[in-house]
Amino acid sequence: MCKHKNYENEKNNLLDKILELAEYGSKENPILDQCSIKEYDCEKCKDTGIIWTTEGTTFICECQIEKKRKKVLISHGFTLNMLEKYSINNYKYAENKIYMKLYSNSKKFLDNFNNNNTHSLALLGQSGCGKTHLLTSIGKILLDKNIDVRYYKFNNLVDKIKNDRITKINTTTEKEALNCEVLIIDNFLMKDNTPTDERIIFDILEYRYDNNLPVLVGSTLLLNDIVNINMGIAGRLSEMCNGGDTVIEVIGKEYDYRLRNTSYIGGDIIGC
């Protein structure tokens, strides 16, 4: 009788505990895990990373391969949002001739790179025409082929190098920018540049030019704008881009794909 009473007390205590945890929405308690349907990020391997075959052998789940791929891409400067959002296959190149020109030159860079042609590429001008989209897509494709690609926003790159030079603790960023197989610099020269900033970027371009290492540049500035900022940088960039043949400039708000459902009247944006 005493044993039965103790059992009832234990059962009631357990039920009380389950109800208490449920009330507070706990999802980590093993008791509640048994009382609810577990949701997995990967249904194939149930988040174990391993799949068992009927023969009793195992292999790594593709979700782990994709996680490793994303980890590599992020370590090379890309963000998770960029990786999920941008692909060469979802760029709307068929919408107009300008998008097609941006797209075809991006594809041409990939083809030429495979053929050991080291011409650089600059996508310049109108914001919202897909420059970052295409630069990211190129970087992803090359990284998947084990090409060492590094992606930087211009201000992050020069600020990191300046800080590293001051602290003398780490010189990794500068070495990567100088020596990686493909360097991508987005938002090129789009800040209040100091002479030091311009010297840093010129030295990087000069080194990469001398060593046949391409640079991919994205900026809302046009080449003439860059000339007005620093003629040396503009000249070296143009020379790296096959004498300017692979400098692609986009002019006109109508090429901002984010605003393609709007019209412009006297410079004002009017929703259609």
Protein backbone atom coordinates (compact mmCIF):
# COMPACT_ATOMS: atom_id res chain seq x y z
CA MET A 1 0.00 0.00 0.00
CA CYS A 2 2.84 2.30 0.92
CA LYS A 3 4.67 1.38 -2.29
CA HIS A 4 1.52 2.10 -4.35
CA LYS A 5 1.12 5.46 -2.62
CA ASN A 6 4.74 6.40 -3.37
CA TYR A 7 4.22 5.44 -7.02
CA GLU A 8 1.13 7.64 -7.23
CA ASN A 9 3.03 10.53 -5.68
CA GLU A 10 5.91 10.12 -8.14
CA LYS A 11 3.49 9.93 -11.06
CA ASN A 12 1.66 13.06 -9.93
CA ASN A 13 4.93 14.90 -9.40
CA LEU A 14 6.06 13.90 -12.89
CA LEU A 15 2.79 15.04 -14.44
CA ASP A 16 3.02 18.33 -12.58
CA LYS A 17 6.56 18.81 -13.87
CA ILE A 18 5.51 18.10 -17.47
CA LEU A 19 2.61 20.54 -17.20
CA GLU A 20 4.87 23.16 -15.66
CA LEU A 21 7.45 22.82 -18.42
CA ALA A 22 4.78 22.85 -21.10
CA GLU A 23 3.34 26.04 -19.65
CA TYR A 24 6.69 27.78 -19.98
CA GLY A 25 7.18 26.50 -23.50
CA SER A 26 10.33 24.54 -22.83
CA LYS A 27 11.57 22.71 -25.90
CA GLU A 28 14.86 21.41 -24.57
CA ASN A 29 13.62 19.09 -21.82
CA PRO A 30 14.00 15.41 -22.83
CA ILE A 31 10.66 14.52 -21.25
CA LEU A 32 8.87 17.01 -23.47
CA ASP A 33 10.81 15.84 -26.51
CA GLN A 34 9.15 12.47 -26.07
CA CYS A 35 5.73 14.09 -25.81
CA SER A 36 6.00 16.22 -28.97
CA ILE A 37 6.81 15.79 -32.65
CA LYS A 38 10.44 16.71 -33.31
CA GLU A 39 11.06 19.06 -36.22
CA TYR A 40 14.37 18.71 -38.03
CA ASP A 41 16.30 21.09 -40.24
CA CYS A 42 17.15 18.07 -42.38
CA GLU A 43 14.56 15.31 -42.58
CA LYS A 44 16.97 13.01 -44.43
CA CYS A 45 19.46 12.60 -41.60
CA LYS A 46 17.34 13.93 -38.70
CA ASP A 47 20.10 16.50 -38.04
CA THR A 48 22.67 13.78 -37.31
CA GLY A 49 24.72 14.54 -40.42
CA ILE A 50 24.90 10.83 -41.23
CA ILE A 51 22.66 8.60 -43.32
CA TRP A 52 22.53 4.83 -42.83
CA THR A 53 21.99 2.56 -45.82
CA THR A 54 20.02 -0.69 -45.75
CA GLU A 55 23.36 -2.53 -45.94
CA GLY A 56 24.45 -0.94 -42.68
CA THR A 57 27.00 1.44 -44.17
CA THR A 58 26.98 5.20 -43.61
CA PHE A 59 27.69 8.31 -45.62
CA ILE A 60 27.73 12.03 -44.89
CA CYS A 61 24.42 13.74 -45.58
CA GLU A 62 24.35 16.40 -48.30
CA CYS A 63 23.15 18.91 -45.68
CA GLN A 64 26.58 18.70 -44.04
CA ILE A 65 28.29 19.26 -47.38
CA GLU A 66 26.13 22.35 -47.94
CA LYS A 67 26.85 23.61 -44.40
CA LYS A 68 30.57 23.23 -45.00
CA ARG A 69 30.23 25.02 -48.35
CA LYS A 70 28.41 27.95 -46.76
CA LYS A 71 30.99 28.10 -43.98
CA VAL A 72 33.77 28.41 -46.55
CA LEU A 73 31.89 31.09 -48.49
CA ILE A 74 31.23 33.12 -45.34
CA SER A 75 34.88 32.85 -44.31
CA HIS A 76 35.76 34.43 -47.68
CA GLY A 77 33.66 37.53 -47.05
CA PHE A 78 30.17 36.67 -48.27
CA THR A 79 27.16 36.89 -45.95
CA LEU A 80 24.52 34.20 -45.54
CA ASN A 81 21.90 36.56 -46.97
CA MET A 82 24.01 37.10 -50.10
CA LEU A 83 24.50 33.37 -50.56
CA GLU A 84 20.80 32.61 -50.27
CA LYS A 85 19.63 35.57 -52.36
CA TYR A 86 22.05 35.77 -55.28
CA SER A 87 22.65 33.24 -58.04
CA ILE A 88 23.75 33.57 -61.65
CA ASN A 89 20.58 31.67 -62.55
CA ASN A 90 18.13 34.09 -60.90
CA TYR A 91 19.55 37.28 -62.40
CA LYS A 92 16.84 38.84 -64.62
CA TYR A 93 19.09 39.38 -67.62
CA ALA A 94 16.27 39.08 -70.17
CA GLU A 95 14.49 42.23 -68.93
CA ASN A 96 16.57 44.65 -71.01
CA LYS A 97 19.78 45.02 -73.01
CA ILE A 98 21.72 46.58 -70.14
CA TYR A 99 21.04 43.65 -67.80
CA MET A 100 22.00 41.32 -70.64
CA LYS A 101 25.28 43.18 -71.09
CA LEU A 102 26.10 42.92 -67.38
CA TYR A 103 25.17 39.24 -67.37
CA SER A 104 27.04 38.33 -70.56
CA ASN A 105 30.22 40.06 -69.39
CA SER A 106 30.01 38.24 -66.06
CA LYS A 107 29.64 34.91 -67.87
CA LYS A 108 32.49 35.88 -70.18
CA PHE A 109 34.72 36.55 -67.17
CA LEU A 110 34.01 33.03 -65.90
CA ASP A 111 34.74 31.51 -69.31
CA ASN A 112 37.92 33.54 -69.74
CA PHE A 113 39.10 32.70 -66.23
CA ASN A 114 38.77 29.00 -67.02
CA ASN A 115 40.98 29.66 -70.06
CA ASN A 116 43.62 31.44 -67.96
CA ASN A 117 42.63 34.88 -69.20
CA THR A 118 43.22 37.24 -66.28
CA HIS A 119 41.39 40.38 -67.44
CA SER A 120 39.56 42.14 -64.60
CA LEU A 121 35.93 43.28 -64.61
CA ALA A 122 34.35 46.51 -63.36
CA LEU A 123 30.57 46.90 -63.05
CA LEU A 124 29.92 50.60 -62.53
CA GLY A 125 27.04 53.03 -62.29
CA GLN A 126 23.36 52.89 -61.42
CA SER A 127 22.48 51.45 -58.03
CA GLY A 128 20.13 48.48 -58.14
CA CYS A 129 21.10 47.06 -61.53
CA GLY A 130 22.50 43.87 -60.00
CA LYS A 131 26.22 44.54 -59.65
CA THR A 132 26.51 42.91 -56.22
CA HIS A 133 24.22 40.11 -57.40
CA LEU A 134 26.55 39.23 -60.27
CA LEU A 135 29.79 39.71 -58.34
CA THR A 136 28.52 37.40 -55.60
CA SER A 137 27.39 34.84 -58.17
CA ILE A 138 30.81 34.83 -59.83
CA GLY A 139 32.49 34.42 -56.45
CA LYS A 140 30.26 31.48 -55.48
CA ILE A 141 30.90 29.66 -58.75
CA LEU A 142 34.67 30.09 -58.51
CA LEU A 143 34.83 29.11 -54.84
CA ASP A 144 32.91 25.93 -55.65
CA LYS A 145 35.77 25.18 -58.06
CA ASN A 146 38.27 25.67 -55.22
CA ILE A 147 39.45 29.03 -56.56
CA ASP A 148 40.60 31.32 -53.74
CA VAL A 149 38.14 34.24 -53.95
CA ARG A 150 37.91 37.06 -51.41
CA TYR A 151 34.98 39.49 -51.19
CA TYR A 152 35.29 42.86 -49.44
CA LYS A 153 33.31 46.03 -49.15
CA PHE A 154 35.75 48.81 -49.99
CA ASN A 155 35.49 50.64 -46.66
CA ASN A 156 35.82 47.42 -44.65
CA LEU A 157 38.91 46.44 -46.61
CA VAL A 158 40.86 49.69 -46.23
CA ASP A 159 39.78 50.22 -42.61
CA LYS A 160 40.86 46.70 -41.66
CA ILE A 161 44.23 47.09 -43.37
CA LYS A 162 44.84 50.46 -41.68
CA ASN A 163 43.94 49.03 -38.29
CA ASP A 164 46.17 46.00 -38.82
CA ARG A 165 49.08 48.24 -39.74
CA ILE A 166 48.61 50.29 -36.59
CA THR A 167 48.25 47.36 -34.19
CA LYS A 168 50.78 45.17 -36.05
CA ILE A 169 48.91 42.18 -34.64
CA ASN A 170 47.52 40.77 -37.86
CA THR A 171 48.35 41.29 -41.53
CA THR A 172 46.07 38.57 -42.90
CA THR A 173 43.62 40.91 -44.65
CA GLU A 174 46.29 42.69 -46.66
CA LYS A 175 47.99 39.43 -47.63
CA GLU A 176 44.67 37.95 -48.74
CA ALA A 177 43.78 41.04 -50.77
CA LEU A 178 47.16 40.98 -52.48
CA ASN A 179 47.51 37.28 -53.17
CA CYS A 180 44.07 35.66 -53.52
CA GLU A 181 43.31 34.30 -56.99
CA VAL A 182 40.30 36.58 -57.46
CA LEU A 183 39.64 39.73 -55.42
CA ILE A 184 36.15 41.26 -55.35
CA ILE A 185 35.83 44.84 -54.08
CA ASP A 186 32.27 46.13 -53.82
CA ASN A 187 31.25 49.76 -53.17
CA PHE A 188 34.59 50.73 -54.69
CA LEU A 189 35.84 54.17 -53.52
CA MET A 190 32.35 54.94 -52.16
CA LYS A 191 33.34 56.78 -48.99
CA ASP A 192 35.15 59.93 -47.91
CA ASN A 193 38.51 58.55 -48.94
CA THR A 194 41.73 59.68 -47.36
CA PRO A 195 45.05 59.72 -49.22
CA THR A 196 45.96 56.62 -47.19
CA ASP A 197 42.82 54.81 -48.40
CA GLU A 198 43.68 55.62 -52.00
CA ARG A 199 47.30 54.58 -51.56
CA ILE A 200 46.25 51.24 -50.08
CA ILE A 201 43.90 50.45 -52.94
CA PHE A 202 46.36 51.62 -55.61
CA ASP A 203 49.09 49.40 -54.15
CA ILE A 204 46.71 46.42 -54.17
CA LEU A 205 45.77 47.03 -57.81
CA GLU A 206 49.41 47.56 -58.78
CA TYR A 207 50.55 44.34 -57.12
CA ARG A 208 47.75 42.30 -58.64
CA TYR A 209 48.37 43.83 -62.09
CA ASP A 210 52.06 42.91 -61.90
CA ASN A 211 51.15 39.34 -60.89
CA ASN A 212 48.29 38.78 -63.36
CA LEU A 213 45.69 38.48 -60.61
CA PRO A 214 42.22 39.79 -61.56
CA VAL A 215 40.03 42.16 -59.60
CA LEU A 216 36.24 42.41 -59.79
CA VAL A 217 34.93 45.85 -58.89
CA GLY A 218 31.43 47.10 -58.21
CA SER A 219 30.61 50.77 -57.65
CA THR A 220 27.91 53.37 -58.26
CA LEU A 221 30.72 55.61 -59.49
CA LEU A 222 31.46 55.82 -63.20
CA LEU A 223 35.00 55.63 -64.56
CA ASN A 224 35.15 59.42 -64.98
CA ASP A 225 34.15 59.79 -61.32
CA ILE A 226 37.04 57.55 -60.36
CA VAL A 227 39.35 59.62 -62.58
CA ASN A 228 38.30 62.73 -60.65
CA ILE A 229 39.03 60.98 -57.34
CA ASN A 230 42.36 59.43 -58.28
CA MET A 231 43.66 59.27 -61.83
CA GLY A 232 46.23 56.63 -60.95
CA ILE A 233 43.60 54.24 -59.60
CA ALA A 234 41.33 54.85 -62.59
CA GLY A 235 44.16 54.28 -65.05
CA ARG A 236 45.34 51.07 -63.43
CA LEU A 237 41.79 49.71 -63.12
CA SER A 238 41.05 50.49 -66.77
CA GLU A 239 44.28 48.83 -67.87
CA MET A 240 43.47 45.71 -65.83
CA CYS A 241 40.04 45.64 -67.51
CA ASN A 242 41.57 44.98 -70.93
CA GLY A 243 42.09 48.65 -71.67
CA GLY A 244 38.56 49.49 -70.56
CA ASP A 245 36.79 46.82 -72.66
CA THR A 246 35.51 45.08 -69.53
CA VAL A 247 34.47 48.25 -67.73
CA ILE A 248 30.67 48.09 -67.92
CA GLU A 249 28.85 51.32 -67.06
CA VAL A 250 25.12 51.64 -66.36
CA ILE A 251 23.48 55.07 -66.46
CA GLY A 252 19.80 55.69 -65.73
CA LYS A 253 17.36 55.12 -62.86
CA GLU A 254 15.22 52.96 -65.13
CA TYR A 255 17.85 50.23 -64.66
CA ASP A 256 17.28 50.03 -60.90
CA TYR A 257 15.43 46.69 -60.80
CA ARG A 258 14.19 47.45 -57.28
CA LEU A 259 12.11 50.27 -58.76
CA ARG A 260 10.93 48.57 -61.94
CA ASN A 261 7.30 48.88 -60.82
CA THR A 262 7.60 52.65 -60.52
CA SER A 263 7.81 55.51 -62.99
CA TYR A 264 9.75 58.77 -62.82
CA ILE A 265 8.21 62.19 -63.28
CA GLY A 266 10.51 65.18 -62.91
CA GLY A 267 12.89 63.09 -60.83
CA ASP A 268 10.17 62.00 -58.40
CA ILE A 269 9.24 58.36 -58.01
CA ILE A 270 5.57 57.74 -58.69
CA GLY A 271 4.11 54.30 -58.06
CA CYS A 272 2.45 52.77 -61.12
